[in-house]
N, C-alpha and C. Protein backbone atom coordinates (compact mmCIF):
# COMPACT_ATOMS: atom_id res chain seq x y z
N MET A 1 -115.34 96.61 -11.35
CA MET A 1 -115.63 95.53 -12.08
C MET A 1 -115.99 96.30 -13.53
N ILE A 2 -116.85 97.29 -13.89
CA ILE A 2 -117.43 97.68 -15.12
C ILE A 2 -116.07 98.46 -15.36
N ARG A 3 -115.29 99.28 -15.27
CA ARG A 3 -113.99 99.74 -15.70
C ARG A 3 -113.25 98.61 -16.12
N GLU A 4 -113.11 97.73 -15.64
CA GLU A 4 -111.95 96.18 -16.03
C GLU A 4 -112.54 96.12 -17.43
N VAL A 5 -113.78 95.76 -17.65
CA VAL A 5 -114.44 95.47 -18.85
C VAL A 5 -114.17 96.45 -19.94
N HIS A 6 -114.52 97.57 -19.42
CA HIS A 6 -114.26 98.50 -20.60
C HIS A 6 -112.85 98.99 -21.18
N ARG A 7 -111.91 98.53 -19.92
CA ARG A 7 -110.28 98.93 -19.98
C ARG A 7 -110.23 97.68 -21.50
N ARG A 8 -110.73 96.73 -20.93
CA ARG A 8 -110.36 95.31 -21.68
C ARG A 8 -110.78 95.46 -23.05
N TYR A 9 -111.91 95.92 -23.13
CA TYR A 9 -112.76 96.23 -24.73
C TYR A 9 -112.37 97.42 -25.46
N VAL A 10 -112.24 98.47 -24.69
CA VAL A 10 -112.06 100.07 -25.44
C VAL A 10 -110.89 100.69 -25.08
N GLY A 11 -110.08 99.94 -24.31
CA GLY A 11 -108.79 100.51 -23.99
C GLY A 11 -108.63 101.95 -23.64
N ASP A 12 -107.55 102.89 -23.91
CA ASP A 12 -107.67 104.21 -24.16
C ASP A 12 -108.57 105.15 -24.17
N ALA A 13 -109.49 104.46 -25.00
CA ALA A 13 -110.48 105.12 -25.96
C ALA A 13 -111.35 105.76 -25.04
N ARG A 14 -111.36 105.18 -24.10
CA ARG A 14 -112.42 105.75 -23.11
C ARG A 14 -111.88 107.26 -22.30
N ALA A 15 -110.71 107.29 -21.97
CA ALA A 15 -110.46 108.69 -21.60
C ALA A 15 -109.80 109.33 -22.58
N LEU A 16 -109.88 109.03 -23.53
CA LEU A 16 -109.50 109.93 -24.81
C LEU A 16 -110.66 110.73 -25.57
N LEU A 17 -111.32 110.11 -25.43
CA LEU A 17 -112.63 110.56 -26.36
C LEU A 17 -113.76 110.81 -25.31
N PRO A 18 -114.27 112.18 -24.99
CA PRO A 18 -115.72 112.57 -23.91
C PRO A 18 -116.65 111.96 -24.22
N GLU A 19 -117.23 111.82 -25.51
CA GLU A 19 -118.31 110.97 -26.10
C GLU A 19 -118.24 109.68 -25.59
N VAL A 20 -117.10 109.03 -25.63
CA VAL A 20 -117.15 107.44 -25.23
C VAL A 20 -117.34 107.27 -23.94
N GLU A 21 -116.50 108.27 -23.08
CA GLU A 21 -116.74 108.41 -21.62
C GLU A 21 -118.08 108.54 -21.07
N ALA A 22 -118.55 109.57 -21.81
CA ALA A 22 -119.94 109.97 -21.41
C ALA A 22 -120.90 108.54 -21.69
N PHE A 23 -120.75 107.97 -22.63
CA PHE A 23 -121.41 106.74 -22.99
C PHE A 23 -121.33 105.69 -21.95
N LEU A 24 -120.07 105.21 -21.76
CA LEU A 24 -119.78 104.08 -20.95
C LEU A 24 -120.14 104.41 -19.74
N GLY A 25 -119.93 105.44 -19.28
CA GLY A 25 -120.19 105.75 -17.82
C GLY A 25 -122.26 105.87 -17.57
N SER A 26 -122.74 105.49 -18.40
CA SER A 26 -124.17 105.92 -18.27
C SER A 26 -125.44 105.26 -17.54
N ASP A 27 -125.01 103.63 -18.01
CA ASP A 27 -126.02 103.13 -17.47
C ASP A 27 -125.43 101.38 -17.23
N ASP A 28 -124.35 101.14 -17.17
CA ASP A 28 -123.78 100.07 -17.07
C ASP A 28 -124.11 99.52 -15.56
N VAL A 29 -124.58 98.20 -15.26
CA VAL A 29 -124.43 97.19 -14.05
C VAL A 29 -123.84 96.09 -14.51
N ALA A 30 -123.09 95.76 -12.90
CA ALA A 30 -122.42 94.46 -12.88
C ALA A 30 -123.22 93.41 -11.77
N LEU A 31 -123.43 92.34 -12.34
CA LEU A 31 -123.81 91.46 -11.50
C LEU A 31 -122.89 90.27 -10.95
N ARG A 32 -122.57 89.98 -9.80
CA ARG A 32 -121.69 88.83 -9.79
C ARG A 32 -122.47 87.61 -9.06
N PHE A 33 -122.16 86.33 -9.96
CA PHE A 33 -122.78 85.05 -9.66
C PHE A 33 -122.06 84.33 -9.07
N VAL A 34 -122.39 83.67 -8.19
CA VAL A 34 -121.43 82.65 -7.30
C VAL A 34 -122.31 81.06 -7.61
N PRO A 35 -121.38 80.67 -8.72
CA PRO A 35 -122.13 79.14 -9.11
C PRO A 35 -122.05 78.22 -7.90
N GLU A 36 -123.22 77.21 -7.89
CA GLU A 36 -123.16 76.05 -7.15
C GLU A 36 -122.31 75.35 -7.71
N SER A 37 -122.45 74.61 -8.84
CA SER A 37 -121.68 73.96 -9.39
C SER A 37 -121.49 74.02 -10.89
N ALA A 38 -120.85 73.29 -11.94
CA ALA A 38 -120.56 73.58 -12.72
C ALA A 38 -120.38 72.29 -13.67
N THR A 39 -120.47 72.12 -14.95
CA THR A 39 -120.61 71.14 -15.94
C THR A 39 -119.61 71.24 -16.99
N THR A 40 -118.46 70.37 -17.24
CA THR A 40 -117.67 70.77 -18.50
C THR A 40 -118.08 69.53 -19.35
N TRP A 41 -117.35 69.59 -20.64
CA TRP A 41 -117.63 68.52 -21.20
C TRP A 41 -116.33 68.93 -22.23
N ASP A 42 -115.69 67.74 -23.03
CA ASP A 42 -114.73 68.02 -23.77
C ASP A 42 -115.22 67.23 -25.06
N GLU A 43 -115.17 68.22 -26.17
CA GLU A 43 -115.56 67.59 -27.50
C GLU A 43 -114.40 67.69 -28.38
N ARG A 44 -113.16 67.62 -27.86
CA ARG A 44 -111.48 68.04 -28.85
C ARG A 44 -111.78 66.68 -29.65
N GLY A 45 -112.17 65.46 -29.08
CA GLY A 45 -111.94 64.23 -29.96
C GLY A 45 -113.32 63.94 -31.22
N SER A 46 -114.40 65.15 -31.09
CA SER A 46 -114.98 64.98 -31.96
C SER A 46 -114.59 65.16 -33.63
N GLU A 47 -115.58 64.73 -34.75
CA GLU A 47 -115.00 65.03 -35.97
C GLU A 47 -114.96 66.55 -36.36
N ALA A 48 -115.73 67.02 -35.74
CA ALA A 48 -115.99 68.73 -36.22
C ALA A 48 -114.69 69.21 -35.72
N ALA A 49 -114.32 69.10 -34.42
CA ALA A 49 -112.97 69.74 -34.00
C ALA A 49 -111.91 69.42 -34.55
N GLU A 50 -111.87 67.79 -34.80
CA GLU A 50 -110.61 67.42 -35.79
C GLU A 50 -110.72 68.39 -36.84
N VAL A 51 -111.62 68.21 -37.86
CA VAL A 51 -111.60 69.15 -38.97
C VAL A 51 -111.25 70.74 -38.79
N LEU A 52 -111.73 71.08 -37.98
CA LEU A 52 -111.84 72.70 -37.57
C LEU A 52 -109.77 72.89 -37.25
N ARG A 53 -109.62 72.00 -36.49
CA ARG A 53 -108.08 71.89 -36.04
C ARG A 53 -107.12 72.10 -37.33
N ASP A 54 -107.41 70.92 -38.28
CA ASP A 54 -106.94 70.59 -39.31
C ASP A 54 -106.48 71.76 -40.64
N SER A 55 -107.79 72.55 -40.43
CA SER A 55 -107.94 73.64 -41.57
C SER A 55 -107.36 74.58 -40.97
N GLY A 56 -106.70 74.55 -39.73
CA GLY A 56 -105.86 76.09 -39.37
C GLY A 56 -106.77 77.03 -38.93
N LEU A 57 -108.50 77.00 -38.90
CA LEU A 57 -109.12 78.20 -38.63
C LEU A 57 -109.62 78.18 -37.26
N ALA A 58 -109.01 76.79 -36.34
CA ALA A 58 -109.53 76.76 -35.21
C ALA A 58 -109.06 78.27 -34.20
N LEU A 59 -109.75 78.76 -33.64
CA LEU A 59 -109.11 79.77 -32.51
C LEU A 59 -108.15 79.23 -31.33
N PRO A 60 -107.10 79.78 -30.91
CA PRO A 60 -106.51 79.30 -29.56
C PRO A 60 -107.63 79.25 -28.24
N LEU A 61 -107.48 78.55 -27.86
CA LEU A 61 -108.39 78.29 -26.61
C LEU A 61 -107.55 79.56 -25.54
N GLU A 62 -108.75 79.83 -24.61
CA GLU A 62 -108.70 80.99 -23.60
C GLU A 62 -108.51 80.27 -22.49
N PRO A 63 -107.26 80.49 -21.51
CA PRO A 63 -107.35 80.16 -20.18
C PRO A 63 -108.90 80.45 -19.28
N THR A 64 -109.21 79.79 -18.48
CA THR A 64 -110.37 79.89 -18.06
C THR A 64 -110.12 80.10 -16.49
N SER A 65 -108.67 80.44 -15.96
CA SER A 65 -108.54 80.70 -14.68
C SER A 65 -108.66 82.04 -14.46
N PRO A 66 -109.14 82.56 -13.23
CA PRO A 66 -109.32 84.28 -12.73
C PRO A 66 -108.30 85.07 -13.47
N ARG A 67 -108.52 86.26 -13.83
CA ARG A 67 -107.32 87.28 -14.34
C ARG A 67 -106.96 87.92 -13.09
């Protein structure tokens, strides 16, 4: 799991740069949580969300489905 996170954010630099490989391999830990419940909210209708969309500065939404 940790290698997948590194691959997503660091890419091939890990394999190409020995210092990066040593640093990334040194002290990471992965915890997996299994939620018992979840709460969501929808703020797309708020004035702030509307202004942000209209300005063109809103970032695209990321899917929340497992990868």
